[in-house]
N, C-alpha and C. Protein backbone atom coordinates (compact mmCIF):
# COMPACT_ATOMS: atom_id res chain seq x y z
N MET A 1 49.98 42.35 -18.50
CA MET A 1 51.34 41.98 -18.86
C MET A 1 51.85 40.77 -19.00
N THR A 2 50.36 39.61 -18.26
CA THR A 2 50.75 38.60 -18.65
C THR A 2 50.77 37.85 -19.49
N GLU A 3 50.22 38.59 -21.11
CA GLU A 3 49.85 38.19 -22.45
C GLU A 3 51.03 39.07 -22.50
N SER A 4 51.75 40.09 -23.02
CA SER A 4 53.16 40.32 -23.02
C SER A 4 54.46 39.41 -22.88
N GLU A 5 54.23 38.85 -21.59
CA GLU A 5 55.65 37.93 -20.38
C GLU A 5 55.12 36.57 -21.46
N MET A 6 53.94 35.86 -21.87
CA MET A 6 53.70 34.90 -22.46
C MET A 6 54.14 34.56 -24.16
N LEU A 7 53.87 36.32 -24.91
CA LEU A 7 54.55 36.32 -26.20
C LEU A 7 56.58 36.38 -25.71
N ARG A 8 57.02 37.08 -25.08
CA ARG A 8 58.13 36.26 -24.08
C ARG A 8 59.13 35.71 -23.79
N GLY A 9 58.05 34.45 -23.83
CA GLY A 9 58.59 33.30 -22.92
C GLY A 9 58.75 32.88 -21.88
N VAL A 10 58.29 33.95 -21.31
CA VAL A 10 58.89 34.16 -19.90
C VAL A 10 58.53 33.94 -18.66
N TRP A 11 56.55 33.83 -19.01
CA TRP A 11 55.65 33.82 -18.18
C TRP A 11 55.45 32.52 -17.44
N ARG A 12 55.62 32.22 -16.31
CA ARG A 12 55.61 31.26 -15.63
C ARG A 12 54.72 31.11 -14.68
N ASN A 13 54.02 30.65 -14.77
CA ASN A 13 52.28 30.55 -13.64
C ASN A 13 52.67 29.87 -11.98
N GLN A 14 51.18 30.63 -11.55
CA GLN A 14 52.08 30.96 -9.68
C GLN A 14 51.50 30.13 -9.25
N ASN A 15 50.73 29.80 -9.54
CA ASN A 15 49.17 28.79 -8.78
C ASN A 15 49.27 27.61 -7.74
N GLU A 16 50.99 26.99 -7.88
CA GLU A 16 50.72 26.55 -6.77
C GLU A 16 51.68 26.96 -5.98
N ALA A 17 52.60 28.88 -6.04
CA ALA A 17 53.51 29.02 -5.10
C ALA A 17 52.04 30.66 -5.03
N GLU A 18 51.22 30.23 -4.92
CA GLU A 18 50.26 31.42 -4.79
C GLU A 18 48.81 30.31 -3.72
N LYS A 19 49.15 29.51 -3.72
CA LYS A 19 47.94 28.60 -2.90
C LYS A 19 48.84 27.89 -2.33
N THR A 20 50.17 27.89 -1.81
CA THR A 20 51.32 27.30 -0.89
C THR A 20 51.47 28.01 0.34
N ILE A 21 50.78 27.81 1.23
CA ILE A 21 51.54 29.11 2.84
C ILE A 21 53.44 27.99 2.84
N LEU A 22 53.54 29.38 3.47
CA LEU A 22 55.53 28.79 4.28
C LEU A 22 55.49 27.63 4.91
N THR A 23 54.98 27.72 5.95
CA THR A 23 54.57 26.41 6.91
C THR A 23 54.25 25.45 5.95
N GLU A 24 53.24 24.81 4.63
CA GLU A 24 53.19 23.95 4.11
C GLU A 24 54.47 23.38 3.48
N ALA A 25 55.46 24.28 3.09
CA ALA A 25 56.11 24.54 2.28
C ALA A 25 57.94 23.51 3.58
N LEU A 26 57.52 24.45 4.32
CA LEU A 26 58.39 23.97 5.58
C LEU A 26 58.50 22.62 6.08
N ASN A 27 56.99 22.64 6.36
CA ASN A 27 56.53 21.01 6.45
C ASN A 27 56.93 19.71 5.40
N ARG A 28 57.00 20.12 4.31
CA ARG A 28 57.25 19.55 2.81
C ARG A 28 58.79 19.33 3.31
N TYR A 29 59.10 20.63 2.73
CA TYR A 29 61.10 20.56 3.33
C TYR A 29 61.35 19.41 4.53
N ALA A 30 60.68 19.46 5.55
CA ALA A 30 62.17 19.13 6.82
C ALA A 30 61.17 17.29 7.13
N ARG A 31 60.42 17.04 5.85
CA ARG A 31 60.12 15.36 5.55
C ARG A 31 60.64 15.73 4.76
N GLU A 32 60.92 16.05 3.28
CA GLU A 32 61.61 14.86 2.29
C GLU A 32 63.60 15.77 2.12
N VAL A 33 63.75 17.44 2.86
CA VAL A 33 65.45 17.15 2.57
C VAL A 33 65.80 17.35 3.98
N SER A 34 65.47 18.14 5.57
CA SER A 34 66.04 17.70 6.30
C SER A 34 66.28 16.54 7.45
N ALA A 35 64.55 15.75 6.83
CA ALA A 35 64.83 14.20 7.59
C ALA A 35 66.42 13.05 6.91
N LEU A 36 66.24 13.60 5.67
CA LEU A 36 67.84 12.71 4.83
C LEU A 36 69.26 13.40 5.65
N LYS A 37 69.06 14.50 6.24
CA LYS A 37 70.36 14.95 6.62
C LYS A 37 70.90 14.18 7.94
N LYS A 38 72.15 14.81 7.99
CA LYS A 38 73.52 13.46 9.39
C LYS A 38 73.09 14.97 10.36
N GLY A 39 72.17 16.04 10.11
CA GLY A 39 71.97 17.47 11.28
C GLY A 39 70.23 16.90 11.52
N ALA A 40 69.99 16.24 11.07
CA ALA A 40 67.99 16.20 10.60
C ALA A 40 67.24 16.79 12.06
N VAL A 41 68.06 16.35 12.91
CA VAL A 41 67.27 16.45 14.55
C VAL A 41 67.33 18.07 14.64
N GLN A 42 68.53 19.08 14.08
CA GLN A 42 68.66 19.93 14.25
C GLN A 42 67.68 20.65 13.50
N GLU A 43 68.02 19.93 12.33
CA GLU A 43 67.36 20.97 11.07
C GLU A 43 65.95 21.24 11.28
N ILE A 44 65.60 20.32 11.79
CA ILE A 44 63.82 19.50 11.92
C ILE A 44 63.72 21.37 12.90
N SER A 45 64.20 20.93 13.86
CA SER A 45 64.24 21.63 14.93
C SER A 45 64.16 23.36 14.69
N ILE A 46 64.75 23.59 13.44
CA ILE A 46 65.50 24.65 13.38
C ILE A 46 63.92 24.86 11.94
N VAL A 47 63.53 24.65 11.70
CA VAL A 47 61.92 24.45 10.88
C VAL A 47 61.15 24.51 11.40
N GLY A 48 60.83 24.55 12.90
CA GLY A 48 59.76 24.38 14.26
C GLY A 48 60.00 26.48 14.24
N LYS A 49 60.97 26.51 14.37
CA LYS A 49 61.10 28.14 15.13
C LYS A 49 61.12 29.02 13.80
N ILE A 50 60.76 28.41 12.15
CA ILE A 50 60.54 29.25 11.44
C ILE A 50 59.31 29.53 10.94
N LYS A 51 58.40 28.08 11.28
CA LYS A 51 56.99 28.38 11.89
C LYS A 51 56.83 29.05 12.74
N GLU A 52 56.98 29.87 13.62
CA GLU A 52 56.63 30.31 15.19
C GLU A 52 56.45 32.02 13.70
N SER A 53 57.52 31.83 12.74
CA SER A 53 57.14 33.60 13.08
C SER A 53 56.05 33.75 11.87
N PRO A 54 55.76 35.11 12.32
CA PRO A 54 54.17 36.14 11.29
C PRO A 54 54.52 35.28 10.26
N LEU A 55 56.09 35.34 9.77
CA LEU A 55 56.34 34.83 8.00
C LEU A 55 55.20 33.30 7.50
N SER A 56 54.91 32.67 8.38
CA SER A 56 54.50 30.65 8.08
C SER A 56 53.52 31.28 7.81
N ARG A 57 52.73 31.95 7.71
CA ARG A 57 51.33 31.90 7.66
C ARG A 57 50.64 32.85 5.66
N MET A 58 51.85 33.40 5.65
CA MET A 58 52.25 34.01 4.23
C MET A 58 52.36 33.03 2.92
N TYR A 59 51.47 33.05 2.14
CA TYR A 59 52.23 32.72 0.28
C TYR A 59 53.44 32.62 0.31
N LEU A 60 53.71 31.47 -0.69
CA LEU A 60 54.91 31.78 -0.94
C LEU A 60 55.68 32.86 -1.99
N ALA A 61 54.43 33.09 -2.89
CA ALA A 61 54.24 34.09 -4.01
C ALA A 61 54.52 35.29 -3.63
N SER A 62 53.52 35.38 -1.46
CA SER A 62 54.13 36.24 -1.60
C SER A 62 55.45 37.39 -0.56
N ILE A 63 56.00 35.83 -0.41
CA ILE A 63 56.93 36.90 0.30
C ILE A 63 57.97 37.44 -0.14
N GLN A 64 58.59 38.06 -0.07
CA GLN A 64 59.27 39.72 -0.70
C GLN A 64 60.81 39.10 -0.08
N GLY A 65 61.34 40.07 -0.30
CA GLY A 65 62.97 40.01 0.52
C GLY A 65 63.10 40.66 1.85
N LYS A 66 61.84 41.90 1.57
CA LYS A 66 61.07 43.32 3.30
C LYS A 66 60.87 42.33 3.40
N ASP A 67 60.07 41.14 3.34
CA ASP A 67 59.62 40.04 4.86
C ASP A 67 60.64 39.10 5.69
N ILE A 68 61.64 39.16 4.79
CA ILE A 68 62.62 38.25 4.65
C ILE A 68 63.65 39.34 6.13
N ALA A 69 63.63 40.67 5.80
CA ALA A 69 64.84 41.37 6.00
C ALA A 69 63.57 41.94 7.36
N LYS A 70 62.87 41.89 7.77
CA LYS A 70 61.69 42.19 8.93
C LYS A 70 62.09 41.13 9.06
N TYR A 71 62.25 39.73 9.50
CA TYR A 71 62.69 38.74 10.38
C TYR A 71 63.42 38.51 10.98
N ARG A 72 64.83 39.04 10.44
CA ARG A 72 66.16 38.54 10.60
C ARG A 72 65.86 40.49 11.60
N ASP A 73 65.14 40.97 11.19
CA ASP A 73 65.33 42.70 12.14
C ASP A 73 64.97 42.00 13.52
N ALA A 74 64.01 41.50 13.51
CA ALA A 74 63.18 41.10 14.98
C ALA A 74 64.34 39.97 15.62
N MET A 75 64.96 38.79 15.17
CA MET A 75 65.71 38.18 15.53
C MET A 75 66.75 38.65 16.47
N LEU A 76 67.76 39.84 15.73
CA LEU A 76 68.45 40.10 15.81
C LEU A 76 67.54 41.65 17.19
N SER A 77 67.17 41.90 16.88
CA SER A 77 66.56 43.00 18.21
C SER A 77 66.12 41.61 18.97
N ASP A 78 65.79 40.96 19.16
CA ASP A 78 65.39 39.89 20.66
C ASP A 78 66.48 39.10 20.28
N GLU A 79 67.47 39.81 20.06
CA GLU A 79 68.90 38.85 20.62
C GLU A 79 70.17 37.92 19.97
N TYR A 80 68.87 37.27 18.90
CA TYR A 80 69.78 35.74 19.05
C TYR A 80 70.76 36.62 18.25
N SER A 81 72.13 35.08 18.16
CA SER A 81 73.17 35.03 18.23
C SER A 81 73.59 35.32 16.75
N PRO A 82 74.22 35.54 15.99
CA PRO A 82 74.11 35.61 14.12
C PRO A 82 74.40 34.73 13.63
N ILE A 83 75.34 33.30 13.87
CA ILE A 83 74.42 31.77 13.75
C ILE A 83 73.56 31.40 13.43
N THR A 84 72.66 32.00 14.56
CA THR A 84 71.19 30.77 14.77
C THR A 84 70.58 32.37 13.43
N ILE A 85 70.49 33.27 13.47
CA ILE A 85 69.81 34.32 12.13
C ILE A 85 70.92 33.22 11.14
N LYS A 86 71.39 33.60 10.86
CA LYS A 86 72.17 32.97 10.18
C LYS A 86 71.50 31.52 9.27
N ARG A 87 71.26 30.40 9.93
CA ARG A 87 71.46 29.31 10.13
C ARG A 87 69.18 29.28 9.68
N ARG A 88 68.51 29.89 10.07
CA ARG A 88 67.64 29.89 9.62
C ARG A 88 67.35 30.77 8.38
N LEU A 89 67.62 31.90 7.99
CA LEU A 89 67.96 32.73 6.75
C LEU A 89 68.68 31.22 5.16
N SER A 90 69.27 30.82 5.98
CA SER A 90 70.23 29.86 4.56
C SER A 90 69.03 29.20 4.34
N LEU A 91 68.63 27.79 6.18
CA LEU A 91 67.25 27.34 5.77
C LEU A 91 65.91 27.77 4.69
N LEU A 92 65.49 29.27 5.37
CA LEU A 92 64.53 29.20 4.18
C LEU A 92 64.91 29.71 3.00
N SER A 93 66.41 30.11 2.17
CA SER A 93 66.91 30.17 1.15
C SER A 93 66.49 28.67 0.00
N HIS A 94 67.41 27.86 1.05
CA HIS A 94 67.90 26.60 0.43
C HIS A 94 66.35 25.62 0.82
N MET A 95 65.74 26.00 0.72
CA MET A 95 63.54 25.40 0.65
C MET A 95 63.13 26.24 -0.80
N PHE A 96 63.24 27.65 -0.53
CA PHE A 96 62.71 28.19 -1.83
C PHE A 96 63.55 27.52 -2.64
N THR A 97 64.54 27.18 -2.40
CA THR A 97 65.43 26.67 -4.31
C THR A 97 65.37 25.16 -3.97
N VAL A 98 64.84 24.72 -3.75
CA VAL A 98 64.81 23.37 -3.58
C VAL A 98 63.05 23.39 -4.22
N ALA A 99 61.94 23.95 -3.43
CA ALA A 99 60.56 24.40 -4.14
C ALA A 99 60.95 24.45 -5.21
N THR A 100 61.50 25.77 -5.98
CA THR A 100 61.78 25.99 -7.43
C THR A 100 62.31 24.46 -8.57
N LYS A 101 63.95 24.42 -8.24
CA LYS A 101 63.82 23.56 -9.10
C LYS A 101 63.29 21.57 -8.23
N GLU A 102 63.66 20.86 -7.26
CA GLU A 102 63.17 20.58 -7.60
C GLU A 102 61.77 19.71 -7.38
N TRP A 103 60.45 20.53 -7.20
CA TRP A 103 58.94 20.47 -6.82
C TRP A 103 58.58 21.46 -7.78
N GLY A 104 59.08 21.37 -7.99
CA GLY A 104 58.75 22.87 -9.50
C GLY A 104 57.71 23.92 -9.32
N ILE A 105 57.58 24.02 -8.20
CA ILE A 105 56.29 25.91 -8.15
C ILE A 105 57.24 26.87 -8.29
N SER A 106 56.28 26.85 -9.63
CA SER A 106 56.85 28.19 -11.56
C SER A 106 56.80 29.17 -10.31
N GLY A 107 56.87 29.55 -10.92
CA GLY A 107 57.16 31.56 -10.06
C GLY A 107 57.60 32.28 -8.98
N LEU A 108 58.26 31.00 -8.51
CA LEU A 108 58.78 31.45 -7.32
C LEU A 108 60.45 32.28 -7.08
N VAL A 109 60.34 33.11 -7.15
CA VAL A 109 61.50 34.09 -6.50
C VAL A 109 62.47 34.40 -5.01
N ASN A 110 63.32 33.70 -5.00
CA ASN A 110 64.22 33.21 -4.00
C ASN A 110 64.28 34.19 -3.22
N PRO A 111 63.56 34.72 -2.14
CA PRO A 111 63.84 36.45 -1.38
C PRO A 111 65.18 36.25 0.03
N GLY A 112 65.16 34.75 -0.04
CA GLY A 112 66.08 34.76 0.98
C GLY A 112 67.41 35.85 1.37
N ILE A 113 67.19 36.74 1.89
CA ILE A 113 68.70 37.38 1.92
C ILE A 113 70.03 36.20 2.07
N ARG A 114 70.98 36.34 1.71
CA ARG A 114 71.92 35.60 1.40
C ARG A 114 73.12 35.09 2.26
N ALA A 115 73.58 34.19 2.55
CA ALA A 115 73.78 33.16 4.28
C ALA A 115 74.68 34.32 4.67
N ASP A 116 75.42 35.81 4.19
CA ASP A 116 76.39 36.15 4.81
C ASP A 116 75.95 38.15 5.10
N SER A 117 74.46 38.11 4.90
CA SER A 117 74.50 38.92 4.81
C SER A 117 74.08 40.23 5.99
N ILE A 118 74.65 39.02 7.30
CA ILE A 118 74.99 40.10 7.73
C ILE A 118 76.60 40.09 8.52
N THR A 119 77.64 39.25 8.13
CA THR A 119 78.56 39.83 8.43
C THR A 119 78.63 40.79 6.43
N GLN A 120 78.08 41.07 5.36
CA GLN A 120 78.15 42.42 4.73
C GLN A 120 77.83 43.52 5.47
N ALA A 121 76.34 43.53 6.18
CA ALA A 121 76.23 45.00 6.87
C ALA A 121 77.23 45.19 7.88
N PHE A 122 77.65 43.92 8.72
CA PHE A 122 78.92 44.55 9.57
C PHE A 122 80.59 45.41 8.81
N ASP A 123 81.04 44.62 7.45
CA ASP A 123 82.11 45.39 6.45
C ASP A 123 81.25 46.52 6.55
N ARG A 124 80.30 46.87 5.77
CA ARG A 124 79.70 48.01 5.43
C ARG A 124 79.73 49.45 6.99
N ALA A 125 79.70 48.83 7.86
CA ALA A 125 79.47 49.01 8.81
C ALA A 125 80.81 50.05 9.40
N ARG A 126 81.80 48.82 9.49
CA ARG A 126 83.28 48.86 9.38
C ARG A 126 83.86 50.29 8.69
N LYS A 127 83.59 49.95 7.31
CA LYS A 127 84.36 50.68 6.54
C LYS A 127 83.69 52.61 6.71
N ARG A 128 82.56 52.81 7.38
CA ARG A 128 81.92 53.84 7.41
C ARG A 128 82.48 54.62 8.49
N ALA A 129 82.86 53.02 9.66
CA ALA A 129 83.52 53.72 10.70
C ALA A 129 84.83 54.08 10.58
N GLY A 130 85.53 53.89 8.98
CA GLY A 130 86.79 54.04 9.15
C GLY A 130 87.51 53.01 9.61
N ILE A 131 87.19 52.28 10.40
CA ILE A 131 87.87 50.55 11.31
C ILE A 131 88.67 50.05 9.66
N GLU A 132 90.10 49.26 10.10
CA GLU A 132 91.03 48.64 9.47
C GLU A 132 90.71 47.19 10.17
N ASP A 133 90.90 45.73 10.21
CA ASP A 133 91.62 45.21 10.67
C ASP A 133 90.38 44.68 11.76
N LEU A 134 89.34 44.80 11.59
CA LEU A 134 88.35 43.94 12.60
C LEU A 134 87.36 42.90 11.50
N ARG A 135 87.08 42.25 12.52
CA ARG A 135 85.58 40.98 11.78
C ARG A 135 84.99 41.12 13.26
N PHE A 136 84.35 40.78 12.38
CA PHE A 136 82.27 40.28 13.04
C PHE A 136 83.03 39.39 14.56
N HIS A 137 83.55 38.27 13.11
CA HIS A 137 83.82 37.11 14.43
C HIS A 137 84.94 37.72 15.64
N ASP A 138 84.94 38.23 15.44
CA ASP A 138 86.75 39.59 16.92
C ASP A 138 86.06 39.73 17.50
N LEU A 139 84.54 40.16 17.89
CA LEU A 139 82.97 41.52 18.60
C LEU A 139 83.06 40.15 19.73
N ARG A 140 82.60 38.75 19.10
CA ARG A 140 82.24 37.45 19.85
C ARG A 140 84.15 37.39 21.14
N HIS A 141 85.28 37.34 19.99
CA HIS A 141 86.23 37.43 21.15
C HIS A 141 86.60 38.48 22.39
N GLU A 142 86.13 39.39 21.85
CA GLU A 142 86.42 40.81 22.88
C GLU A 142 85.40 40.83 23.89
N ALA A 143 84.09 39.99 23.26
CA ALA A 143 83.11 39.97 24.40
C ALA A 143 82.98 38.54 25.56
N THR A 144 83.49 37.74 24.98
CA THR A 144 83.95 36.56 25.79
C THR A 144 85.17 37.03 26.96
N SER A 145 85.72 37.49 25.95
CA SER A 145 87.44 38.38 26.89
C SER A 145 86.41 39.27 28.52
N ARG A 146 85.63 40.31 28.01
CA ARG A 146 84.95 40.37 28.64
C ARG A 146 84.21 40.31 29.99
N LEU A 147 83.54 39.23 29.62
CA LEU A 147 82.76 39.07 30.32
C LEU A 147 83.61 37.61 31.64
N PHE A 148 85.03 37.53 31.32
CA PHE A 148 85.77 37.04 32.12
C PHE A 148 86.06 37.81 32.87
N GLU A 149 85.96 38.83 32.78
CA GLU A 149 87.09 40.14 33.08
C GLU A 149 85.76 40.71 34.27
N LYS A 150 84.76 40.53 34.28
CA LYS A 150 83.07 41.39 34.55
C LYS A 150 83.10 40.08 36.20
N GLY A 151 83.69 38.85 35.99
CA GLY A 151 83.58 37.55 36.86
C GLY A 151 82.41 37.13 36.68
N PHE A 152 82.04 36.70 35.34
CA PHE A 152 81.25 35.52 35.08
C PHE A 152 82.18 34.24 35.00
N ASN A 153 81.50 32.64 35.43
CA ASN A 153 82.20 31.95 35.23
C ASN A 153 81.75 31.25 34.26
N PRO A 154 83.27 30.16 33.89
CA PRO A 154 83.29 29.74 33.02
C PRO A 154 81.14 29.35 31.95
N MET A 155 81.03 28.32 33.31
CA MET A 155 79.59 27.98 32.92
C MET A 155 78.48 29.15 32.28
N GLU A 156 78.93 30.31 32.83
CA GLU A 156 78.18 31.36 32.42
C GLU A 156 78.12 31.94 31.46
N VAL A 157 79.46 32.26 31.26
CA VAL A 157 80.21 32.82 29.68
C VAL A 157 79.64 31.85 28.36
N SER A 158 79.64 30.41 28.62
CA SER A 158 78.85 29.86 28.18
C SER A 158 77.77 29.17 27.58
N ALA A 159 77.25 29.61 28.81
CA ALA A 159 75.25 29.60 28.47
C ALA A 159 75.10 31.00 27.48
N ILE A 160 76.36 32.13 27.81
CA ILE A 160 76.30 33.67 26.92
C ILE A 160 76.28 33.67 25.14
N THR A 161 77.55 32.54 25.08
CA THR A 161 78.91 33.10 24.27
C THR A 161 78.32 31.76 22.61
N GLY A 162 77.74 30.48 24.10
CA GLY A 162 77.12 29.61 22.95
C GLY A 162 78.65 29.00 22.66
N HIS A 163 79.67 29.03 23.27
CA HIS A 163 80.43 28.25 22.93
C HIS A 163 80.46 26.36 23.59
N LYS A 164 80.29 25.68 23.18
CA LYS A 164 79.86 24.33 23.29
C LYS A 164 80.21 23.61 24.53
N THR A 165 82.22 23.40 24.64
CA THR A 165 83.46 22.64 25.39
C THR A 165 84.32 24.09 26.30
N LEU A 166 84.68 23.94 27.15
CA LEU A 166 85.21 24.72 28.21
C LEU A 166 86.86 24.57 26.95
N GLN A 167 87.46 23.82 26.07
CA GLN A 167 88.60 24.01 25.38
C GLN A 167 88.32 25.00 24.25
N MET A 168 87.15 25.36 23.81
CA MET A 168 86.66 25.79 22.52
C MET A 168 86.68 27.39 23.67
N LEU A 169 86.44 27.34 24.49
CA LEU A 169 86.05 29.20 25.71
C LEU A 169 87.11 29.12 25.90
N LYS A 170 88.22 28.17 26.36
CA LYS A 170 89.52 29.04 26.02
C LYS A 170 90.12 29.66 25.77
N ARG A 171 89.86 29.01 23.95
CA ARG A 171 90.62 28.98 22.83
C ARG A 171 90.97 31.25 22.26
N TYR A 172 89.43 31.50 23.13
CA TYR A 172 89.28 33.15 22.91
C TYR A 172 89.28 33.86 24.18
N THR A 173 89.84 32.60 25.82
CA THR A 173 90.43 33.57 26.56
C THR A 173 91.43 34.13 26.80
N HIS A 174 91.46 35.36 27.20
CA HIS A 174 92.59 35.28 27.58
C HIS A 174 93.58 36.43 28.92
N LEU A 175 93.60 35.33 29.40
CA LEU A 175 93.25 35.88 30.49
C LEU A 175 94.73 36.34 31.14
N ARG A 176 94.79 37.74 32.04
CA ARG A 176 95.85 38.40 32.55
C ARG A 176 96.42 38.24 33.70
N ALA A 177 98.38 38.09 33.96
CA ALA A 177 99.08 37.64 35.04
C ALA A 177 97.90 38.48 36.52
N GLU A 178 98.19 40.01 36.42
CA GLU A 178 98.28 40.59 36.85
C GLU A 178 96.68 40.26 37.50
N ASP A 179 95.62 40.26 36.55
CA ASP A 179 94.22 39.63 37.71
C ASP A 179 94.60 38.47 38.13
N LEU A 180 95.17 37.99 37.78
CA LEU A 180 95.25 36.66 38.73
C LEU A 180 95.99 36.81 39.77
N ALA A 181 96.91 37.27 40.49
CA ALA A 181 97.84 37.96 41.09
C ALA A 181 96.89 38.56 41.86
N LYS A 182 96.00 39.66 41.89
CA LYS A 182 94.57 40.75 42.05
C LYS A 182 94.06 39.43 43.18
N ARG A 183 93.15 38.53 42.21
CA ARG A 183 92.69 37.52 42.78
C ARG A 183 92.81 36.38 43.66
N MET A 184 94.15 36.21 44.45
CA MET A 184 94.66 35.71 44.85
C MET A 184 95.47 36.22 45.80
N GLY A 185 95.06 37.21 45.67
CA GLY A 185 95.72 38.41 46.89
C GLY A 185 96.67 38.29 47.06
């Protein structure tokens, strides 16, 4: 295969990709890319979380889409929020892009699942169910309202939903007058 690839001009030397584990690449990415960003502290924290995964011990050349999908599925089963999963997968994808384009690591295929993969999966499920006019974000809105209906206080709801301010939380909450009247006695 290699000789054929050389003759066709498509062969790439994968030595560095075969010798570099993901943790090493993530460390370099944190130093050279993340540290220069406005949100450096948050992004370096994300790098640290990715380094805790089994994926981090794999060689770059051996990481495939199925490995990224397994990582994503593990986060989903651990009930990470969609935005957390999206941030981690986006960072991984960008790291592979930087490794190829800026660091000159040849032969890498970016196995990163596209940042909108969760949205795409949701859209496929929605279409299979025959549901029109429903967005993924509508589920967060509905869940927030239901938590309030169950009697959770704003601090508890924000801890569950990830809303950072009361103002943001209020935007997704629709209190019903009859429920307020019942509580007032």
